[in-house]
Amino acid sequence: MSESREEDQFLTVKEVADRLHVCRASIYLWLKKGFPQPLKFGRASRWRSTEVDGWVRSRPKGAYGERK
């Protein structure tokens, strides 16, 4: 039995920022507030696309920043 599952891509901070239409600094600020932690490959940081997409779905509609 095989499950259909989205294939993970490993995204750079620039790719994550472009996907979310924000600057790179926003990604680093969000790391302190529940944004998915990156995986480290040597000195490089990479985010799983499925984790980023899941984080976006968990946010209020139209809001990436702070919940008020």
PDB file of N, CA and C in Angstrom:
ATOM      1  N   MET A   1       0.844  -1.170   0.000  1.00  0.00           N
ATOM      2  CA  MET A   1       0.000   0.000   0.000  1.00  0.00           C
ATOM      3  C   MET A   1       0.895   1.240   0.000  1.00  0.00           C
ATOM      4  N   SER A   2       0.722   2.134  -0.957  1.00  0.00           N
ATOM      5  CA  SER A   2       1.534   3.347  -0.966  1.00  0.00           C
ATOM      6  C   SER A   2       0.658   4.564  -0.740  1.00  0.00           C
ATOM      7  N   GLU A   3       1.152   5.469   0.071  1.00  0.00           N
ATOM      8  CA  GLU A   3       0.422   6.693   0.368  1.00  0.00           C
ATOM      9  C   GLU A   3       0.868   7.789  -0.577  1.00  0.00           C
ATOM     10  N   SER A   4      -0.083   8.584  -1.036  1.00  0.00           N
ATOM     11  CA  SER A   4       0.263   9.743  -1.849  1.00  0.00           C
ATOM     12  C   SER A   4       0.662  10.858  -0.893  1.00  0.00           C
ATOM     13  N   ARG A   5       1.897  11.310  -1.023  1.00  0.00           N
ATOM     14  CA  ARG A   5       2.391  12.314  -0.093  1.00  0.00           C
ATOM     15  C   ARG A   5       3.195  13.343  -0.863  1.00  0.00           C
ATOM     16  N   GLU A   6       2.996  14.594  -0.514  1.00  0.00           N
ATOM     17  CA  GLU A   6       3.740  15.663  -1.174  1.00  0.00           C
ATOM     18  C   GLU A   6       5.233  15.476  -0.905  1.00  0.00           C
ATOM     19  N   GLU A   7       6.009  15.613  -1.947  1.00  0.00           N
ATOM     20  CA  GLU A   7       7.461  15.494  -1.828  1.00  0.00           C
ATOM     21  C   GLU A   7       8.018  16.774  -1.208  1.00  0.00           C
ATOM     22  N   ASP A   8       8.854  16.619  -0.189  1.00  0.00           N
ATOM     23  CA  ASP A   8       9.490  17.776   0.432  1.00  0.00           C
ATOM     24  C   ASP A   8      10.550  18.358  -0.487  1.00  0.00           C
ATOM     25  N   GLN A   9      10.573  19.673  -0.539  1.00  0.00           N
ATOM     26  CA  GLN A   9      11.671  20.382  -1.164  1.00  0.00           C
ATOM     27  C   GLN A   9      12.383  21.109  -0.045  1.00  0.00           C
ATOM     28  N   PHE A  10      13.670  21.305  -0.178  1.00  0.00           N
ATOM     29  CA  PHE A  10      14.426  22.036   0.816  1.00  0.00           C
ATOM     30  C   PHE A  10      14.671  23.434   0.268  1.00  0.00           C
ATOM     31  N   LEU A  11      14.126  24.438   0.959  1.00  0.00           N
ATOM     32  CA  LEU A  11      14.133  25.814   0.487  1.00  0.00           C
ATOM     33  C   LEU A  11      15.161  26.657   1.233  1.00  0.00           C
ATOM     34  N   THR A  12      15.814  27.563   0.507  1.00  0.00           N
ATOM     35  CA  THR A  12      16.712  28.535   1.132  1.00  0.00           C
ATOM     36  C   THR A  12      15.879  29.632   1.766  1.00  0.00           C
ATOM     37  N   VAL A  13      16.500  30.469   2.580  1.00  0.00           N
ATOM     38  CA  VAL A  13      15.770  31.574   3.201  1.00  0.00           C
ATOM     39  C   VAL A  13      15.229  32.510   2.121  1.00  0.00           C
ATOM     40  N   LYS A  14      15.960  32.718   1.044  1.00  0.00           N
ATOM     41  CA  LYS A  14      15.482  33.565  -0.045  1.00  0.00           C
ATOM     42  C   LYS A  14      14.243  32.962  -0.699  1.00  0.00           C
ATOM     43  N   GLU A  15      14.257  31.644  -0.918  1.00  0.00           N
ATOM     44  CA  GLU A  15      13.101  30.983  -1.520  1.00  0.00           C
ATOM     45  C   GLU A  15      11.883  31.035  -0.608  1.00  0.00           C
ATOM     46  N   VAL A  16      12.093  30.873   0.701  1.00  0.00           N
ATOM     47  CA  VAL A  16      10.985  30.975   1.657  1.00  0.00           C
ATOM     48  C   VAL A  16      10.427  32.399   1.650  1.00  0.00           C
ATOM     49  N   ALA A  17      11.308  33.390   1.705  1.00  0.00           N
ATOM     50  CA  ALA A  17      10.876  34.786   1.709  1.00  0.00           C
ATOM     51  C   ALA A  17      10.120  35.125   0.425  1.00  0.00           C
ATOM     52  N   ASP A  18      10.623  34.670  -0.706  1.00  0.00           N
ATOM     53  CA  ASP A  18       9.928  34.919  -1.982  1.00  0.00           C
ATOM     54  C   ASP A  18       8.562  34.249  -2.000  1.00  0.00           C
ATOM     55  N   ARG A  19       8.485  33.036  -1.482  1.00  0.00           N
ATOM     56  CA  ARG A  19       7.215  32.286  -1.463  1.00  0.00           C
ATOM     57  C   ARG A  19       6.174  33.005  -0.601  1.00  0.00           C
ATOM     58  N   LEU A  20       6.628  33.636   0.478  1.00  0.00           N
ATOM     59  CA  LEU A  20       5.707  34.312   1.410  1.00  0.00           C
ATOM     60  C   LEU A  20       5.584  35.813   1.142  1.00  0.00           C
ATOM     61  N   HIS A  21       6.331  36.317   0.161  1.00  0.00           N
ATOM     62  CA  HIS A  21       6.293  37.744  -0.208  1.00  0.00           C
ATOM     63  C   HIS A  21       6.689  38.647   0.954  1.00  0.00           C
ATOM     64  N   VAL A  22       7.770  38.278   1.615  1.00  0.00           N
ATOM     65  CA  VAL A  22       8.309  39.069   2.723  1.00  0.00           C
ATOM     66  C   VAL A  22       9.824  39.174   2.545  1.00  0.00           C
ATOM     67  N   CYS A  23      10.461  39.986   3.367  1.00  0.00           N
ATOM     68  CA  CYS A  23      11.916  40.078   3.316  1.00  0.00           C
ATOM     69  C   CYS A  23      12.522  38.952   4.168  1.00  0.00           C
ATOM     70  N   ARG A  24      13.788  38.676   3.930  1.00  0.00           N
ATOM     71  CA  ARG A  24      14.481  37.612   4.666  1.00  0.00           C
ATOM     72  C   ARG A  24      14.480  37.869   6.173  1.00  0.00           C
ATOM     73  N   ALA A  25      14.589  39.130   6.564  1.00  0.00           N
ATOM     74  CA  ALA A  25      14.616  39.456   7.997  1.00  0.00           C
ATOM     75  C   ALA A  25      13.343  38.993   8.703  1.00  0.00           C
ATOM     76  N   SER A  26      12.212  39.038   8.015  1.00  0.00           N
ATOM     77  CA  SER A  26      10.954  38.579   8.613  1.00  0.00           C
ATOM     78  C   SER A  26      11.024  37.112   8.985  1.00  0.00           C
ATOM     79  N   ILE A  27      11.641  36.314   8.127  1.00  0.00           N
ATOM     80  CA  ILE A  27      11.767  34.880   8.403  1.00  0.00           C
ATOM     81  C   ILE A  27      12.548  34.674   9.695  1.00  0.00           C
ATOM     82  N   TYR A  28      13.659  35.385   9.850  1.00  0.00           N
ATOM     83  CA  TYR A  28      14.485  35.225  11.053  1.00  0.00           C
ATOM     84  C   TYR A  28      13.764  35.734  12.301  1.00  0.00           C
ATOM     85  N   LEU A  29      12.951  36.776  12.180  1.00  0.00           N
ATOM     86  CA  LEU A  29      12.156  37.237  13.324  1.00  0.00           C
ATOM     87  C   LEU A  29      11.097  36.203  13.697  1.00  0.00           C
ATOM     88  N   TRP A  30      10.457  35.617  12.700  1.00  0.00           N
ATOM     89  CA  TRP A  30       9.408  34.626  12.950  1.00  0.00           C
ATOM     90  C   TRP A  30       9.945  33.359  13.593  1.00  0.00           C
ATOM     91  N   LEU A  31      11.236  33.063  13.419  1.00  0.00           N
ATOM     92  CA  LEU A  31      11.806  31.858  14.039  1.00  0.00           C
ATOM     93  C   LEU A  31      11.635  31.882  15.556  1.00  0.00           C
ATOM     94  N   LYS A  32      11.604  33.078  16.133  1.00  0.00           N
ATOM     95  CA  LYS A  32      11.427  33.221  17.587  1.00  0.00           C
ATOM     96  C   LYS A  32       9.961  33.097  17.994  1.00  0.00           C
ATOM     97  N   LYS A  33       9.063  33.046  16.979  1.00  0.00           N
ATOM     98  CA  LYS A  33       7.624  33.070  17.273  1.00  0.00           C
ATOM     99  C   LYS A  33       6.879  31.901  16.649  1.00  0.00           C
ATOM    100  N   GLY A  34       7.543  30.767  16.526  1.00  0.00           N
ATOM    101  CA  GLY A  34       6.834  29.572  16.090  1.00  0.00           C
ATOM    102  C   GLY A  34       6.987  29.184  14.629  1.00  0.00           C
ATOM    103  N   PHE A  35       7.774  29.929  13.852  1.00  0.00           N
ATOM    104  CA  PHE A  35       8.017  29.539  12.462  1.00  0.00           C
ATOM    105  C   PHE A  35       8.859  28.269  12.465  1.00  0.00           C
ATOM    106  N   PRO A  36       8.638  27.370  11.503  1.00  0.00           N
ATOM    107  CA  PRO A  36       9.423  26.116  11.485  1.00  0.00           C
ATOM    108  C   PRO A  36      10.931  26.371  11.505  1.00  0.00           C
ATOM    109  N   GLN A  37      11.622  25.593  12.293  1.00  0.00           N
ATOM    110  CA  GLN A  37      13.074  25.698  12.378  1.00  0.00           C
ATOM    111  C   GLN A  37      13.710  25.076  11.146  1.00  0.00           C
ATOM    112  N   PRO A  38      14.792  25.659  10.665  1.00  0.00           N
ATOM    113  CA  PRO A  38      15.447  25.099   9.482  1.00  0.00           C
ATOM    114  C   PRO A  38      16.278  23.873   9.842  1.00  0.00           C
ATOM    115  N   LEU A  39      16.529  23.075   8.836  1.00  0.00           N
ATOM    116  CA  LEU A  39      17.489  21.987   8.958  1.00  0.00           C
ATOM    117  C   LEU A  39      18.847  22.558   8.593  1.00  0.00           C
ATOM    118  N   LYS A  40      19.889  22.094   9.233  1.00  0.00           N
ATOM    119  CA  LYS A  40      21.239  22.588   8.936  1.00  0.00           C
ATOM    120  C   LYS A  40      21.981  21.548   8.118  1.00  0.00           C
ATOM    121  N   PHE A  41      22.532  21.993   6.996  1.00  0.00           N
ATOM    122  CA  PHE A  41      23.390  21.178   6.151  1.00  0.00           C
ATOM    123  C   PHE A  41      24.730  21.891   6.137  1.00  0.00           C
ATOM    124  N   GLY A  42      25.613  21.510   7.053  1.00  0.00           N
ATOM    125  CA  GLY A  42      26.849  22.262   7.237  1.00  0.00           C
ATOM    126  C   GLY A  42      26.474  23.636   7.769  1.00  0.00           C
ATOM    127  N   ARG A  43      26.875  24.671   7.065  1.00  0.00           N
ATOM    128  CA  ARG A  43      26.528  26.039   7.471  1.00  0.00           C
ATOM    129  C   ARG A  43      25.238  26.529   6.829  1.00  0.00           C
ATOM    130  N   ALA A  44      24.695  25.767   5.906  1.00  0.00           N
ATOM    131  CA  ALA A  44      23.496  26.176   5.178  1.00  0.00           C
ATOM    132  C   ALA A  44      22.232  25.794   5.941  1.00  0.00           C
ATOM    133  N   SER A  45      21.252  26.686   5.920  1.00  0.00           N
ATOM    134  CA  SER A  45      19.947  26.429   6.518  1.00  0.00           C
ATOM    135  C   SER A  45      18.941  26.187   5.401  1.00  0.00           C
ATOM    136  N   ARG A  46      18.108  25.165   5.572  1.00  0.00           N
ATOM    137  CA  ARG A  46      17.079  24.853   4.587  1.00  0.00           C
ATOM    138  C   ARG A  46      15.791  24.511   5.320  1.00  0.00           C
ATOM    139  N   TRP A  47      14.677  24.977   4.771  1.00  0.00           N
ATOM    140  CA  TRP A  47      13.362  24.711   5.331  1.00  0.00           C
ATOM    141  C   TRP A  47      12.645  23.693   4.469  1.00  0.00           C
ATOM    142  N   ARG A  48      11.915  22.780   5.099  1.00  0.00           N
ATOM    143  CA  ARG A  48      11.076  21.832   4.367  1.00  0.00           C
ATOM    144  C   ARG A  48       9.859  22.591   3.835  1.00  0.00           C
ATOM    145  N   SER A  49       9.582  22.433   2.563  1.00  0.00           N
ATOM    146  CA  SER A  49       8.451  23.143   1.953  1.00  0.00           C
ATOM    147  C   SER A  49       7.131  22.755   2.618  1.00  0.00           C
ATOM    148  N   THR A  50       6.984  21.488   3.006  1.00  0.00           N
ATOM    149  CA  THR A  50       5.733  21.059   3.635  1.00  0.00           C
ATOM    150  C   THR A  50       5.536  21.721   4.999  1.00  0.00           C
ATOM    151  N   GLU A  51       6.614  21.949   5.739  1.00  0.00           N
ATOM    152  CA  GLU A  51       6.503  22.622   7.039  1.00  0.00           C
ATOM    153  C   GLU A  51       6.137  24.091   6.861  1.00  0.00           C
ATOM    154  N   VAL A  52       6.734  24.744   5.867  1.00  0.00           N
ATOM    155  CA  VAL A  52       6.414  26.150   5.590  1.00  0.00           C
ATOM    156  C   VAL A  52       4.944  26.261   5.169  1.00  0.00           C
ATOM    157  N   ASP A  53       4.512  25.378   4.268  1.00  0.00           N
ATOM    158  CA  ASP A  53       3.114  25.404   3.814  1.00  0.00           C
ATOM    159  C   ASP A  53       2.148  25.137   4.971  1.00  0.00           C
ATOM    160  N   GLY A  54       2.506  24.210   5.854  1.00  0.00           N
ATOM    161  CA  GLY A  54       1.671  23.933   7.025  1.00  0.00           C
ATOM    162  C   GLY A  54       1.575  25.125   7.954  1.00  0.00           C
ATOM    163  N   TRP A  55       2.687  25.841   8.122  1.00  0.00           N
ATOM    164  CA  TRP A  55       2.686  27.042   8.966  1.00  0.00           C
ATOM    165  C   TRP A  55       1.762  28.097   8.362  1.00  0.00           C
ATOM    166  N   VAL A  56       1.840  28.272   7.047  1.00  0.00           N
ATOM    167  CA  VAL A  56       0.979  29.257   6.372  1.00  0.00           C
ATOM    168  C   VAL A  56      -0.486  28.898   6.581  1.00  0.00           C
ATOM    169  N   ARG A  57      -0.830  27.613   6.430  1.00  0.00           N
ATOM    170  CA  ARG A  57      -2.230  27.191   6.614  1.00  0.00           C
ATOM    171  C   ARG A  57      -2.704  27.392   8.041  1.00  0.00           C
ATOM    172  N   SER A  58      -1.796  27.392   9.011  1.00  0.00           N
ATOM    173  CA  SER A  58      -2.187  27.539  10.418  1.00  0.00           C
ATOM    174  C   SER A  58      -2.413  28.997  10.824  1.00  0.00           C
ATOM    175  N   ARG A  59      -2.012  29.924   9.971  1.00  0.00           N
ATOM    176  CA  ARG A  59      -2.133  31.350  10.281  1.00  0.00           C
ATOM    177  C   ARG A  59      -3.530  31.847   9.954  1.00  0.00           C
ATOM    178  N   PRO A  60      -3.972  32.931  10.589  1.00  0.00           N
ATOM    179  CA  PRO A  60      -5.258  33.530  10.213  1.00  0.00           C
ATOM    180  C   PRO A  60      -5.214  33.950   8.747  1.00  0.00           C
ATOM    181  N   LYS A  61      -6.349  33.879   8.094  1.00  0.00           N
ATOM    182  CA  LYS A  61      -6.413  34.201   6.668  1.00  0.00           C
ATOM    183  C   LYS A  61      -5.879  35.600   6.397  1.00  0.00           C
ATOM    184  N   GLY A  62      -4.892  35.688   5.499  1.00  0.00           N
ATOM    185  CA  GLY A  62      -4.334  36.971   5.106  1.00  0.00           C
ATOM    186  C   GLY A  62      -3.307  37.541   6.078  1.00  0.00           C
ATOM    187  N   ALA A  63      -2.901  36.773   7.084  1.00  0.00           N
ATOM    188  CA  ALA A  63      -1.963  37.300   8.082  1.00  0.00           C
ATOM    189  C   ALA A  63      -0.805  36.350   8.285  1.00  0.00           C
ATOM    190  N   TYR A  64       0.397  36.848   8.112  1.00  0.00           N
ATOM    191  CA  TYR A  64       1.587  36.060   8.445  1.00  0.00           C
ATOM    192  C   TYR A  64       2.184  36.541   9.755  1.00  0.00           C
ATOM    193  N   GLY A  65       1.911  37.799  10.131  1.00  0.00           N
ATOM    194  CA  GLY A  65       2.530  38.381  11.305  1.00  0.00           C
ATOM    195  C   GLY A  65       1.858  37.975  12.597  1.00  0.00           C
ATOM    196  N   GLU A  66       1.920  38.867  13.544  1.00  0.00           N
ATOM    197  CA  GLU A  66       1.380  38.616  14.873  1.00  0.00           C
ATOM    198  C   GLU A  66      -0.123  38.444  14.857  1.00  0.00           C
ATOM    199  N   ARG A  67      -0.596  37.522  15.683  1.00  0.00           N
ATOM    200  CA  ARG A  67      -2.037  37.402  15.934  1.00  0.00           C
ATOM    201  C   ARG A  67      -2.397  38.436  16.981  1.00  0.00           C
ATOM    202  N   LYS A  68      -3.496  39.111  16.772  1.00  0.00           N
ATOM    203  CA  LYS A  68      -3.911  40.130  17.758  1.00  0.00           C
ATOM    204  C   LYS A  68      -5.163  39.704  18.467  1.00  0.00           C
TER     205      LYS A  68
END
